[in-house]
């Protein structure tokens, strides 16, 4: 994202993993002293996961479905991508298009 877009957008990831496991994930994806440019949220009690209805009821460990949400500043979900297969993810182009539509929407 360009710098102007970064001022209006906050990227978050949510996981059932505790903070220690999330820190290991951050360390694994960080390369050449460059840290991940988003916040990792630990949600072992499923409060956020349940709020957005993304818990995978078939997963005994309590994992959510892989999901990407674009939420406006009022907390309204404006775009979502929910998938059963964790290997299937939205493209950067899909996400940027959703963000562009959000920027164009009346406030």
PDB file of N, CA and C in Angstrom:
ATOM      1  N   UNK A   1       0.842  -1.181   0.000  1.00  0.00           N
ATOM      2  CA  UNK A   1       0.000   0.000   0.000  1.00  0.00           C
ATOM      3  C   UNK A   1       0.882   1.236   0.000  1.00  0.00           C
ATOM      4  N   UNK A   2       0.387   2.271  -0.636  1.00  0.00           N
ATOM      5  CA  UNK A   2       1.132   3.513  -0.608  1.00  0.00           C
ATOM      6  C   UNK A   2       0.970   4.177   0.772  1.00  0.00           C
ATOM      7  N   UNK A   3       1.781   5.175   1.043  1.00  0.00           N
ATOM      8  CA  UNK A   3       1.801   5.811   2.362  1.00  0.00           C
ATOM      9  C   UNK A   3       0.471   6.481   2.701  1.00  0.00           C
ATOM     10  N   UNK A   4      -0.194   7.079   1.716  1.00  0.00           N
ATOM     11  CA  UNK A   4      -1.485   7.721   1.964  1.00  0.00           C
ATOM     12  C   UNK A   4      -2.510   6.692   2.423  1.00  0.00           C
ATOM     13  N   UNK A   5      -2.549   5.543   1.780  1.00  0.00           N
ATOM     14  CA  UNK A   5      -3.497   4.484   2.148  1.00  0.00           C
ATOM     15  C   UNK A   5      -3.175   3.937   3.538  1.00  0.00           C
ATOM     16  N   UNK A   6      -1.886   3.805   3.856  1.00  0.00           N
ATOM     17  CA  UNK A   6      -1.493   3.269   5.153  1.00  0.00           C
ATOM     18  C   UNK A   6      -1.986   4.139   6.308  1.00  0.00           C
ATOM     19  N   UNK A   7      -2.138   5.441   6.081  1.00  0.00           N
ATOM     20  CA  UNK A   7      -2.625   6.321   7.143  1.00  0.00           C
ATOM     21  C   UNK A   7      -4.086   6.053   7.479  1.00  0.00           C
ATOM     22  N   UNK A   8      -4.845   5.528   6.537  1.00  0.00           N
ATOM     23  CA  UNK A   8      -6.272   5.293   6.735  1.00  0.00           C
ATOM     24  C   UNK A   8      -6.624   3.839   7.004  1.00  0.00           C
ATOM     25  N   UNK A   9      -5.647   2.958   7.008  1.00  0.00           N
ATOM     26  CA  UNK A   9      -5.908   1.527   7.109  1.00  0.00           C
ATOM     27  C   UNK A   9      -5.068   0.933   8.229  1.00  0.00           C
ATOM     28  N   UNK A  10      -5.673   0.029   8.962  1.00  0.00           N
ATOM     29  CA  UNK A  10      -4.932  -0.729   9.960  1.00  0.00           C
ATOM     30  C   UNK A  10      -5.118  -2.207   9.643  1.00  0.00           C
ATOM     31  N   UNK A  11      -4.034  -2.927   9.553  1.00  0.00           N
ATOM     32  CA  UNK A  11      -4.073  -4.354   9.250  1.00  0.00           C
ATOM     33  C   UNK A  11      -3.892  -5.146  10.536  1.00  0.00           C
ATOM     34  N   UNK A  12      -4.777  -6.124  10.727  1.00  0.00           N
ATOM     35  CA  UNK A  12      -4.725  -6.969  11.915  1.00  0.00           C
ATOM     36  C   UNK A  12      -4.878  -8.418  11.502  1.00  0.00           C
ATOM     37  N   UNK A  13      -4.314  -9.302  12.287  1.00  0.00           N
ATOM     38  CA  UNK A  13      -4.571 -10.727  12.129  1.00  0.00           C
ATOM     39  C   UNK A  13      -5.020 -11.249  13.482  1.00  0.00           C
ATOM     40  N   UNK A  14      -5.947 -12.177  13.473  1.00  0.00           N
ATOM     41  CA  UNK A  14      -6.453 -12.739  14.722  1.00  0.00           C
ATOM     42  C   UNK A  14      -6.245 -14.244  14.698  1.00  0.00           C
ATOM     43  N   UNK A  15      -5.857 -14.769  15.848  1.00  0.00           N
ATOM     44  CA  UNK A  15      -5.548 -16.193  15.962  1.00  0.00           C
ATOM     45  C   UNK A  15      -5.956 -16.680  17.344  1.00  0.00           C
ATOM     46  N   UNK A  16      -6.225 -17.969  17.446  1.00  0.00           N
ATOM     47  CA  UNK A  16      -6.494 -18.551  18.757  1.00  0.00           C
ATOM     48  C   UNK A  16      -5.203 -18.798  19.534  1.00  0.00           C
ATOM     49  N   UNK A  17      -4.074 -18.647  18.874  1.00  0.00           N
ATOM     50  CA  UNK A  17      -2.780 -18.901  19.512  1.00  0.00           C
ATOM     51  C   UNK A  17      -2.500 -17.878  20.608  1.00  0.00           C
ATOM     52  N   UNK A  18      -1.770 -18.316  21.636  1.00  0.00           N
ATOM     53  CA  UNK A  18      -1.396 -17.386  22.693  1.00  0.00           C
ATOM     54  C   UNK A  18      -0.273 -16.462  22.202  1.00  0.00           C
ATOM     55  N   UNK A  19       0.069 -15.509  23.007  1.00  0.00           N
ATOM     56  CA  UNK A  19       1.054 -14.496  22.593  1.00  0.00           C
ATOM     57  C   UNK A  19       2.414 -15.087  22.274  1.00  0.00           C
ATOM     58  N   UNK A  20       2.823 -16.091  23.027  1.00  0.00           N
ATOM     59  CA  UNK A  20       4.135 -16.713  22.782  1.00  0.00           C
ATOM     60  C   UNK A  20       4.179 -17.360  21.402  1.00  0.00           C
ATOM     61  N   UNK A  21       3.126 -18.093  21.034  1.00  0.00           N
ATOM     62  CA  UNK A  21       3.088 -18.710  19.703  1.00  0.00           C
ATOM     63  C   UNK A  21       2.994 -17.660  18.604  1.00  0.00           C
ATOM     64  N   UNK A  22       2.231 -16.597  18.860  1.00  0.00           N
ATOM     65  CA  UNK A  22       2.158 -15.527  17.858  1.00  0.00           C
ATOM     66  C   UNK A  22       3.515 -14.859  17.672  1.00  0.00           C
ATOM     67  N   UNK A  23       4.261 -14.697  18.758  1.00  0.00           N
ATOM     68  CA  UNK A  23       5.590 -14.102  18.637  1.00  0.00           C
ATOM     69  C   UNK A  23       6.496 -14.984  17.793  1.00  0.00           C
ATOM     70  N   UNK A  24       6.385 -16.299  17.937  1.00  0.00           N
ATOM     71  CA  UNK A  24       7.164 -17.205  17.099  1.00  0.00           C
ATOM     72  C   UNK A  24       6.797 -17.024  15.633  1.00  0.00           C
ATOM     73  N   UNK A  25       5.498 -16.839  15.358  1.00  0.00           N
ATOM     74  CA  UNK A  25       5.059 -16.622  13.980  1.00  0.00           C
ATOM     75  C   UNK A  25       5.630 -15.317  13.429  1.00  0.00           C
ATOM     76  N   UNK A  26       5.592 -14.271  14.236  1.00  0.00           N
ATOM     77  CA  UNK A  26       6.166 -12.979  13.819  1.00  0.00           C
ATOM     78  C   UNK A  26       7.644 -13.160  13.500  1.00  0.00           C
ATOM     79  N   UNK A  27       8.347 -13.862  14.371  1.00  0.00           N
ATOM     80  CA  UNK A  27       9.776 -14.079  14.160  1.00  0.00           C
ATOM     81  C   UNK A  27      10.043 -14.879  12.883  1.00  0.00           C
ATOM     82  N   UNK A  28       9.183 -15.855  12.580  1.00  0.00           N
ATOM     83  CA  UNK A  28       9.371 -16.679  11.394  1.00  0.00           C
ATOM     84  C   UNK A  28       9.137 -15.901  10.100  1.00  0.00           C
ATOM     85  N   UNK A  29       8.156 -15.016  10.100  1.00  0.00           N
ATOM     86  CA  UNK A  29       7.860 -14.302   8.855  1.00  0.00           C
ATOM     87  C   UNK A  29       8.682 -13.042   8.678  1.00  0.00           C
ATOM     88  N   UNK A  30       9.357 -12.624   9.739  1.00  0.00           N
ATOM     89  CA  UNK A  30      10.202 -11.436   9.639  1.00  0.00           C
ATOM     90  C   UNK A  30      11.521 -11.833   8.988  1.00  0.00           C
ATOM     91  N   UNK A  31      11.936 -11.034   8.044  1.00  0.00           N
ATOM     92  CA  UNK A  31      13.175 -11.312   7.318  1.00  0.00           C
ATOM     93  C   UNK A  31      14.046 -10.065   7.270  1.00  0.00           C
ATOM     94  N   UNK A  32      15.320 -10.286   7.316  1.00  0.00           N
ATOM     95  CA  UNK A  32      16.289  -9.197   7.152  1.00  0.00           C
ATOM     96  C   UNK A  32      15.956  -8.006   8.046  1.00  0.00           C
ATOM     97  N   UNK A  33      15.616  -8.289   9.288  1.00  0.00           N
ATOM     98  CA  UNK A  33      15.297  -7.265  10.288  1.00  0.00           C
ATOM     99  C   UNK A  33      14.061  -6.436   9.933  1.00  0.00           C
ATOM    100  N   UNK A  34      13.233  -6.920   9.013  1.00  0.00           N
ATOM    101  CA  UNK A  34      11.995  -6.232   8.663  1.00  0.00           C
ATOM    102  C   UNK A  34      10.850  -6.979   9.340  1.00  0.00           C
ATOM    103  N   UNK A  35      10.130  -6.286  10.196  1.00  0.00           N
ATOM    104  CA  UNK A  35       9.034  -6.898  10.937  1.00  0.00           C
ATOM    105  C   UNK A  35       7.747  -6.852  10.116  1.00  0.00           C
ATOM    106  N   UNK A  36       6.818  -7.703  10.482  1.00  0.00           N
ATOM    107  CA  UNK A  36       5.498  -7.687   9.844  1.00  0.00           C
ATOM    108  C   UNK A  36       4.875  -6.319  10.047  1.00  0.00           C
ATOM    109  N   UNK A  37       4.212  -5.818   9.028  1.00  0.00           N
ATOM    110  CA  UNK A  37       3.640  -4.470   9.060  1.00  0.00           C
ATOM    111  C   UNK A  37       2.160  -4.512   9.464  1.00  0.00           C
ATOM    112  N   UNK A  38       1.839  -5.370  10.424  1.00  0.00           N
ATOM    113  CA  UNK A  38       0.472  -5.455  10.927  1.00  0.00           C
ATOM    114  C   UNK A  38       0.503  -6.027  12.337  1.00  0.00           C
ATOM    115  N   UNK A  39      -0.624  -5.916  13.018  1.00  0.00           N
ATOM    116  CA  UNK A  39      -0.738  -6.345  14.404  1.00  0.00           C
ATOM    117  C   UNK A  39      -1.298  -7.761  14.487  1.00  0.00           C
ATOM    118  N   UNK A  40      -0.731  -8.557  15.354  1.00  0.00           N
ATOM    119  CA  UNK A  40      -1.222  -9.905  15.616  1.00  0.00           C
ATOM    120  C   UNK A  40      -2.042  -9.863  16.906  1.00  0.00           C
ATOM    121  N   UNK A  41      -3.298 -10.318  16.845  1.00  0.00           N
ATOM    122  CA  UNK A  41      -4.160 -10.370  18.016  1.00  0.00           C
ATOM    123  C   UNK A  41      -4.336 -11.808  18.478  1.00  0.00           C
ATOM    124  N   UNK A  42      -4.178 -12.043  19.764  1.00  0.00           N
ATOM    125  CA  UNK A  42      -4.395 -13.363  20.350  1.00  0.00           C
ATOM    126  C   UNK A  42      -5.833 -13.420  20.860  1.00  0.00           C
ATOM    127  N   UNK A  43      -6.589 -14.411  20.381  1.00  0.00           N
ATOM    128  CA  UNK A  43      -8.006 -14.544  20.740  1.00  0.00           C
ATOM    129  C   UNK A  43      -8.333 -15.986  21.128  1.00  0.00           C
ATOM    130  N   UNK A  44      -7.669 -16.509  22.161  1.00  0.00           N
ATOM    131  CA  UNK A  44      -7.915 -17.914  22.528  1.00  0.00           C
ATOM    132  C   UNK A  44      -9.332 -18.164  23.034  1.00  0.00           C
ATOM    133  N   UNK A  45     -10.018 -17.145  23.507  1.00  0.00           N
ATOM    134  CA  UNK A  45     -11.390 -17.292  23.982  1.00  0.00           C
ATOM    135  C   UNK A  45     -12.440 -17.060  22.915  1.00  0.00           C
ATOM    136  N   UNK A  46     -12.025 -16.811  21.680  1.00  0.00           N
ATOM    137  CA  UNK A  46     -12.902 -16.642  20.509  1.00  0.00           C
ATOM    138  C   UNK A  46     -13.824 -15.419  20.573  1.00  0.00           C
ATOM    139  N   UNK A  47     -13.505 -14.420  21.339  1.00  0.00           N
ATOM    140  CA  UNK A  47     -14.398 -13.257  21.423  1.00  0.00           C
ATOM    141  C   UNK A  47     -14.522 -12.541  20.082  1.00  0.00           C
ATOM    142  N   UNK A  48     -13.409 -12.269  19.441  1.00  0.00           N
ATOM    143  CA  UNK A  48     -13.430 -11.593  18.137  1.00  0.00           C
ATOM    144  C   UNK A  48     -13.907 -12.563  17.057  1.00  0.00           C
ATOM    145  N   UNK A  49     -13.398 -13.772  17.106  1.00  0.00           N
ATOM    146  CA  UNK A  49     -13.777 -14.788  16.114  1.00  0.00           C
ATOM    147  C   UNK A  49     -15.285 -15.017  16.136  1.00  0.00           C
ATOM    148  N   UNK A  50     -15.867 -15.136  17.328  1.00  0.00           N
ATOM    149  CA  UNK A  50     -17.314 -15.335  17.445  1.00  0.00           C
ATOM    150  C   UNK A  50     -18.089 -14.104  17.009  1.00  0.00           C
ATOM    151  N   UNK A  51     -17.580 -12.939  17.320  1.00  0.00           N
ATOM    152  CA  UNK A  51     -18.274 -11.697  16.946  1.00  0.00           C
ATOM    153  C   UNK A  51     -18.499 -11.615  15.437  1.00  0.00           C
ATOM    154  N   UNK A  52     -17.526 -12.075  14.680  1.00  0.00           N
ATOM    155  CA  UNK A  52     -17.632 -12.003  13.225  1.00  0.00           C
ATOM    156  C   UNK A  52     -18.117 -13.307  12.595  1.00  0.00           C
ATOM    157  N   UNK A  53     -18.468 -14.288  13.421  1.00  0.00           N
ATOM    158  CA  UNK A  53     -19.064 -15.528  12.922  1.00  0.00           C
ATOM    159  C   UNK A  53     -18.159 -16.348  12.026  1.00  0.00           C
ATOM    160  N   UNK A  54     -16.878 -16.383  12.337  1.00  0.00           N
ATOM    161  CA  UNK A  54     -15.943 -17.083  11.454  1.00  0.00           C
ATOM    162  C   UNK A  54     -15.356 -18.350  12.071  1.00  0.00           C
ATOM    163  N   UNK A  55     -15.878 -18.758  13.238  1.00  0.00           N
ATOM    164  CA  UNK A  55     -15.394 -19.985  13.852  1.00  0.00           C
ATOM    165  C   UNK A  55     -15.756 -21.178  12.980  1.00  0.00           C
ATOM    166  N   UNK A  56     -14.802 -22.052  12.761  1.00  0.00           N
ATOM    167  CA  UNK A  56     -15.026 -23.261  11.982  1.00  0.00           C
ATOM    168  C   UNK A  56     -15.575 -24.330  12.933  1.00  0.00           C
ATOM    169  N   UNK A  57     -16.863 -24.637  12.868  1.00  0.00           N
ATOM    170  CA  UNK A  57     -17.448 -25.580  13.821  1.00  0.00           C
ATOM    171  C   UNK A  57     -16.908 -27.002  13.678  1.00  0.00           C
ATOM    172  N   UNK A  58     -16.294 -27.321  12.559  1.00  0.00           N
ATOM    173  CA  UNK A  58     -15.757 -28.666  12.335  1.00  0.00           C
ATOM    174  C   UNK A  58     -14.355 -28.850  12.900  1.00  0.00           C
ATOM    175  N   UNK A  59     -13.717 -27.751  13.280  1.00  0.00           N
ATOM    176  CA  UNK A  59     -12.345 -27.845  13.774  1.00  0.00           C
ATOM    177  C   UNK A  59     -12.369 -27.996  15.293  1.00  0.00           C
ATOM    178  N   UNK A  60     -11.905 -29.110  15.778  1.00  0.00           N
ATOM    179  CA  UNK A  60     -11.935 -29.389  17.218  1.00  0.00           C
ATOM    180  C   UNK A  60     -11.005 -28.488  18.018  1.00  0.00           C
ATOM    181  N   UNK A  61     -10.015 -27.909  17.360  1.00  0.00           N
ATOM    182  CA  UNK A  61      -9.090 -27.021  18.066  1.00  0.00           C
ATOM    183  C   UNK A  61      -9.656 -25.623  18.231  1.00  0.00           C
ATOM    184  N   UNK A  62     -10.751 -25.326  17.534  1.00  0.00           N
ATOM    185  CA  UNK A  62     -11.368 -24.006  17.644  1.00  0.00           C
ATOM    186  C   UNK A  62     -10.814 -22.988  16.678  1.00  0.00           C
ATOM    187  N   UNK A  63     -10.249 -23.453  15.574  1.00  0.00           N
ATOM    188  CA  UNK A  63      -9.699 -22.527  14.586  1.00  0.00           C
ATOM    189  C   UNK A  63     -10.806 -21.861  13.780  1.00  0.00           C
ATOM    190  N   UNK A  64     -10.629 -20.603  13.439  1.00  0.00           N
ATOM    191  CA  UNK A  64     -11.608 -19.936  12.585  1.00  0.00           C
ATOM    192  C   UNK A  64     -11.381 -20.305  11.120  1.00  0.00           C
ATOM    193  N   UNK A  65     -12.383 -20.037  10.311  1.00  0.00           N
ATOM    194  CA  UNK A  65     -12.190 -20.147   8.865  1.00  0.00           C
ATOM    195  C   UNK A  65     -11.211 -19.054   8.445  1.00  0.00           C
ATOM    196  N   UNK A  66     -10.342 -19.328   7.471  1.00  0.00           N
ATOM    197  CA  UNK A  66      -9.485 -18.262   6.952  1.00  0.00           C
ATOM    198  C   UNK A  66     -10.370 -17.153   6.391  1.00  0.00           C
ATOM    199  N   UNK A  67     -10.176 -15.962   6.885  1.00  0.00           N
ATOM    200  CA  UNK A  67     -11.078 -14.861   6.564  1.00  0.00           C
ATOM    201  C   UNK A  67     -10.312 -13.557   6.392  1.00  0.00           C
ATOM    202  N   UNK A  68     -10.771 -12.744   5.442  1.00  0.00           N
ATOM    203  CA  UNK A  68     -10.269 -11.384   5.284  1.00  0.00           C
ATOM    204  C   UNK A  68     -11.495 -10.479   5.343  1.00  0.00           C
ATOM    205  N   UNK A  69     -11.461  -9.502   6.232  1.00  0.00           N
ATOM    206  CA  UNK A  69     -12.554  -8.552   6.361  1.00  0.00           C
ATOM    207  C   UNK A  69     -12.037  -7.142   6.125  1.00  0.00           C
ATOM    208  N   UNK A  70     -12.822  -6.336   5.451  1.00  0.00           N
ATOM    209  CA  UNK A  70     -12.574  -4.904   5.379  1.00  0.00           C
ATOM    210  C   UNK A  70     -13.692  -4.267   6.182  1.00  0.00           C
ATOM    211  N   UNK A  71     -13.305  -3.619   7.264  1.00  0.00           N
ATOM    212  CA  UNK A  71     -14.256  -3.040   8.209  1.00  0.00           C
ATOM    213  C   UNK A  71     -14.049  -1.526   8.219  1.00  0.00           C
ATOM    214  N   UNK A  72     -15.147  -0.782   8.103  1.00  0.00           N
ATOM    215  CA  UNK A  72     -14.999   0.679   8.096  1.00  0.00           C
ATOM    216  C   UNK A  72     -14.770   1.203   9.516  1.00  0.00           C
ATOM    217  N   UNK A  73     -14.572   2.498   9.638  1.00  0.00           N
ATOM    218  CA  UNK A  73     -14.247   3.100  10.931  1.00  0.00           C
ATOM    219  C   UNK A  73     -15.397   3.022  11.926  1.00  0.00           C
ATOM    220  N   UNK A  74     -16.605   2.720  11.448  1.00  0.00           N
ATOM    221  CA  UNK A  74     -17.761   2.550  12.326  1.00  0.00           C
ATOM    222  C   UNK A  74     -17.959   1.094  12.737  1.00  0.00           C
ATOM    223  N   UNK A  75     -17.069   0.217  12.303  1.00  0.00           N
ATOM    224  CA  UNK A  75     -17.153  -1.187  12.662  1.00  0.00           C
ATOM    225  C   UNK A  75     -18.037  -2.018  11.754  1.00  0.00           C
ATOM    226  N   UNK A  76     -18.446  -1.462  10.610  1.00  0.00           N
ATOM    227  CA  UNK A  76     -19.312  -2.169   9.673  1.00  0.00           C
ATOM    228  C   UNK A  76     -18.442  -2.934   8.673  1.00  0.00           C
ATOM    229  N   UNK A  77     -18.739  -4.232   8.524  1.00  0.00           N
ATOM    230  CA  UNK A  77     -18.014  -5.043   7.545  1.00  0.00           C
ATOM    231  C   UNK A  77     -18.473  -4.629   6.152  1.00  0.00           C
ATOM    232  N   UNK A  78     -17.551  -4.155   5.340  1.00  0.00           N
ATOM    233  CA  UNK A  78     -17.857  -3.686   3.985  1.00  0.00           C
ATOM    234  C   UNK A  78     -17.464  -4.686   2.911  1.00  0.00           C
ATOM    235  N   UNK A  79     -16.576  -5.619   3.251  1.00  0.00           N
ATOM    236  CA  UNK A  79     -16.160  -6.646   2.300  1.00  0.00           C
ATOM    237  C   UNK A  79     -15.641  -7.821   3.097  1.00  0.00           C
ATOM    238  N   UNK A  80     -15.924  -9.033   2.621  1.00  0.00           N
ATOM    239  CA  UNK A  80     -15.394 -10.202   3.310  1.00  0.00           C
ATOM    240  C   UNK A  80     -15.044 -11.295   2.320  1.00  0.00           C
ATOM    241  N   UNK A  81     -14.061 -12.051   2.706  1.00  0.00           N
ATOM    242  CA  UNK A  81     -13.604 -13.209   1.953  1.00  0.00           C
ATOM    243  C   UNK A  81     -13.422 -14.310   2.977  1.00  0.00           C
ATOM    244  N   UNK A  82     -14.303 -15.313   2.949  1.00  0.00           N
ATOM    245  CA  UNK A  82     -14.238 -16.426   3.888  1.00  0.00           C
ATOM    246  C   UNK A  82     -14.045 -17.701   3.084  1.00  0.00           C
ATOM    247  N   UNK A  83     -13.102 -18.508   3.511  1.00  0.00           N
ATOM    248  CA  UNK A  83     -12.751 -19.717   2.771  1.00  0.00           C
ATOM    249  C   UNK A  83     -12.611 -20.873   3.748  1.00  0.00           C
ATOM    250  N   UNK A  84     -12.888 -22.075   3.301  1.00  0.00           N
ATOM    251  CA  UNK A  84     -12.710 -23.268   4.122  1.00  0.00           C
ATOM    252  C   UNK A  84     -11.262 -23.742   4.044  1.00  0.00           C
ATOM    253  N   UNK A  85     -10.669 -23.663   2.877  1.00  0.00           N
ATOM    254  CA  UNK A  85      -9.290 -24.115   2.656  1.00  0.00           C
ATOM    255  C   UNK A  85      -8.320 -22.994   3.028  1.00  0.00           C
ATOM    256  N   UNK A  86      -7.500 -23.225   4.035  1.00  0.00           N
ATOM    257  CA  UNK A  86      -6.572 -22.185   4.492  1.00  0.00           C
ATOM    258  C   UNK A  86      -5.538 -21.808   3.425  1.00  0.00           C
ATOM    259  N   UNK A  87      -5.379 -22.626   2.407  1.00  0.00           N
ATOM    260  CA  UNK A  87      -4.416 -22.332   1.343  1.00  0.00           C
ATOM    261  C   UNK A  87      -4.965 -21.338   0.326  1.00  0.00           C
ATOM    262  N   UNK A  88      -6.275 -21.138   0.326  1.00  0.00           N
ATOM    263  CA  UNK A  88      -6.910 -20.214  -0.615  1.00  0.00           C
ATOM    264  C   UNK A  88      -7.057 -18.862   0.068  1.00  0.00           C
ATOM    265  N   UNK A  89      -6.438 -17.871  -0.492  1.00  0.00           N
ATOM    266  CA  UNK A  89      -6.440 -16.519   0.088  1.00  0.00           C
ATOM    267  C   UNK A  89      -6.835 -15.508  -0.983  1.00  0.00           C
ATOM    268  N   UNK A  90      -7.384 -14.377  -0.564  1.00  0.00           N
ATOM    269  CA  UNK A  90      -7.686 -13.345  -1.555  1.00  0.00           C
ATOM    270  C   UNK A  90      -6.382 -12.767  -2.106  1.00  0.00           C
ATOM    271  N   UNK A  91      -6.439 -12.303  -3.322  1.00  0.00           N
ATOM    272  CA  UNK A  91      -5.249 -11.684  -3.918  1.00  0.00           C
ATOM    273  C   UNK A  91      -5.071 -10.272  -3.377  1.00  0.00           C
ATOM    274  N   UNK A  92      -3.879  -9.762  -3.501  1.00  0.00           N
ATOM    275  CA  UNK A  92      -3.636  -8.368  -3.119  1.00  0.00           C
ATOM    276  C   UNK A  92      -4.532  -7.430  -3.905  1.00  0.00           C
ATOM    277  N   UNK A  93      -4.763  -7.747  -5.170  1.00  0.00           N
ATOM    278  CA  UNK A  93      -5.613  -6.907  -6.013  1.00  0.00           C
ATOM    279  C   UNK A  93      -7.045  -6.869  -5.482  1.00  0.00           C
ATOM    280  N   UNK A  94      -7.561  -8.013  -5.021  1.00  0.00           N
ATOM    281  CA  UNK A  94      -8.913  -8.067  -4.460  1.00  0.00           C
ATOM    282  C   UNK A  94      -9.011  -7.188  -3.206  1.00  0.00           C
ATOM    283  N   UNK A  95      -8.026  -7.272  -2.361  1.00  0.00           N
ATOM    284  CA  UNK A  95      -8.026  -6.498  -1.116  1.00  0.00           C
ATOM    285  C   UNK A  95      -7.911  -5.015  -1.417  1.00  0.00           C
ATOM    286  N   UNK A  96      -6.996  -4.649  -2.309  1.00  0.00           N
ATOM    287  CA  UNK A  96      -6.831  -3.237  -2.652  1.00  0.00           C
ATOM    288  C   UNK A  96      -8.089  -2.668  -3.309  1.00  0.00           C
ATOM    289  N   UNK A  97      -8.775  -3.470  -4.120  1.00  0.00           N
ATOM    290  CA  UNK A  97     -10.028  -3.011  -4.738  1.00  0.00           C
ATOM    291  C   UNK A  97     -11.091  -2.767  -3.668  1.00  0.00           C
ATOM    292  N   UNK A  98     -11.164  -3.649  -2.672  1.00  0.00           N
ATOM    293  CA  UNK A  98     -12.121  -3.459  -1.580  1.00  0.00           C
ATOM    294  C   UNK A  98     -11.797  -2.200  -0.785  1.00  0.00           C
ATOM    295  N   UNK A  99     -10.529  -1.953  -0.557  1.00  0.00           N
ATOM    296  CA  UNK A  99     -10.126  -0.737   0.151  1.00  0.00           C
ATOM    297  C   UNK A  99     -10.433   0.508  -0.677  1.00  0.00           C
ATOM    298  N   UNK A 100     -10.250   0.421  -1.981  1.00  0.00           N
ATOM    299  CA  UNK A 100     -10.550   1.562  -2.855  1.00  0.00           C
ATOM    300  C   UNK A 100     -12.046   1.874  -2.818  1.00  0.00           C
ATOM    301  N   UNK A 101     -12.893   0.849  -2.853  1.00  0.00           N
ATOM    302  CA  UNK A 101     -14.346   1.065  -2.764  1.00  0.00           C
ATOM    303  C   UNK A 101     -14.715   1.696  -1.425  1.00  0.00           C
ATOM    304  N   UNK A 102     -14.050   1.283  -0.374  1.00  0.00           N
ATOM    305  CA  UNK A 102     -14.305   1.845   0.938  1.00  0.00           C
ATOM    306  C   UNK A 102     -13.933   3.325   0.960  1.00  0.00           C
ATOM    307  N   UNK A 103     -12.819   3.663   0.355  1.00  0.00           N
ATOM    308  CA  UNK A 103     -12.377   5.056   0.318  1.00  0.00           C
ATOM    309  C   UNK A 103     -13.340   5.928  -0.469  1.00  0.00           C
ATOM    310  N   UNK A 104     -14.001   5.330  -1.478  1.00  0.00           N
ATOM    311  CA  UNK A 104     -14.925   6.079  -2.323  1.00  0.00           C
ATOM    312  C   UNK A 104     -16.316   6.200  -1.713  1.00  0.00           C
ATOM    313  N   UNK A 105     -16.629   5.364  -0.725  1.00  0.00           N
ATOM    314  CA  UNK A 105     -17.976   5.348  -0.140  1.00  0.00           C
ATOM    315  C   UNK A 105     -18.211   6.620   0.668  1.00  0.00           C
ATOM    316  N   UNK A 106     -19.451   7.115   0.669  1.00  0.00           N
ATOM    317  CA  UNK A 106     -19.773   8.276   1.496  1.00  0.00           C
ATOM    318  C   UNK A 106     -19.610   7.945   2.965  1.00  0.00           C
ATOM    319  N   UNK A 107     -19.206   8.931   3.722  1.00  0.00           N
ATOM    320  CA  UNK A 107     -18.966   8.714   5.161  1.00  0.00           C
ATOM    321  C   UNK A 107     -20.065   9.280   5.989  1.00  0.00           C
TER     322      UNK A 107
END
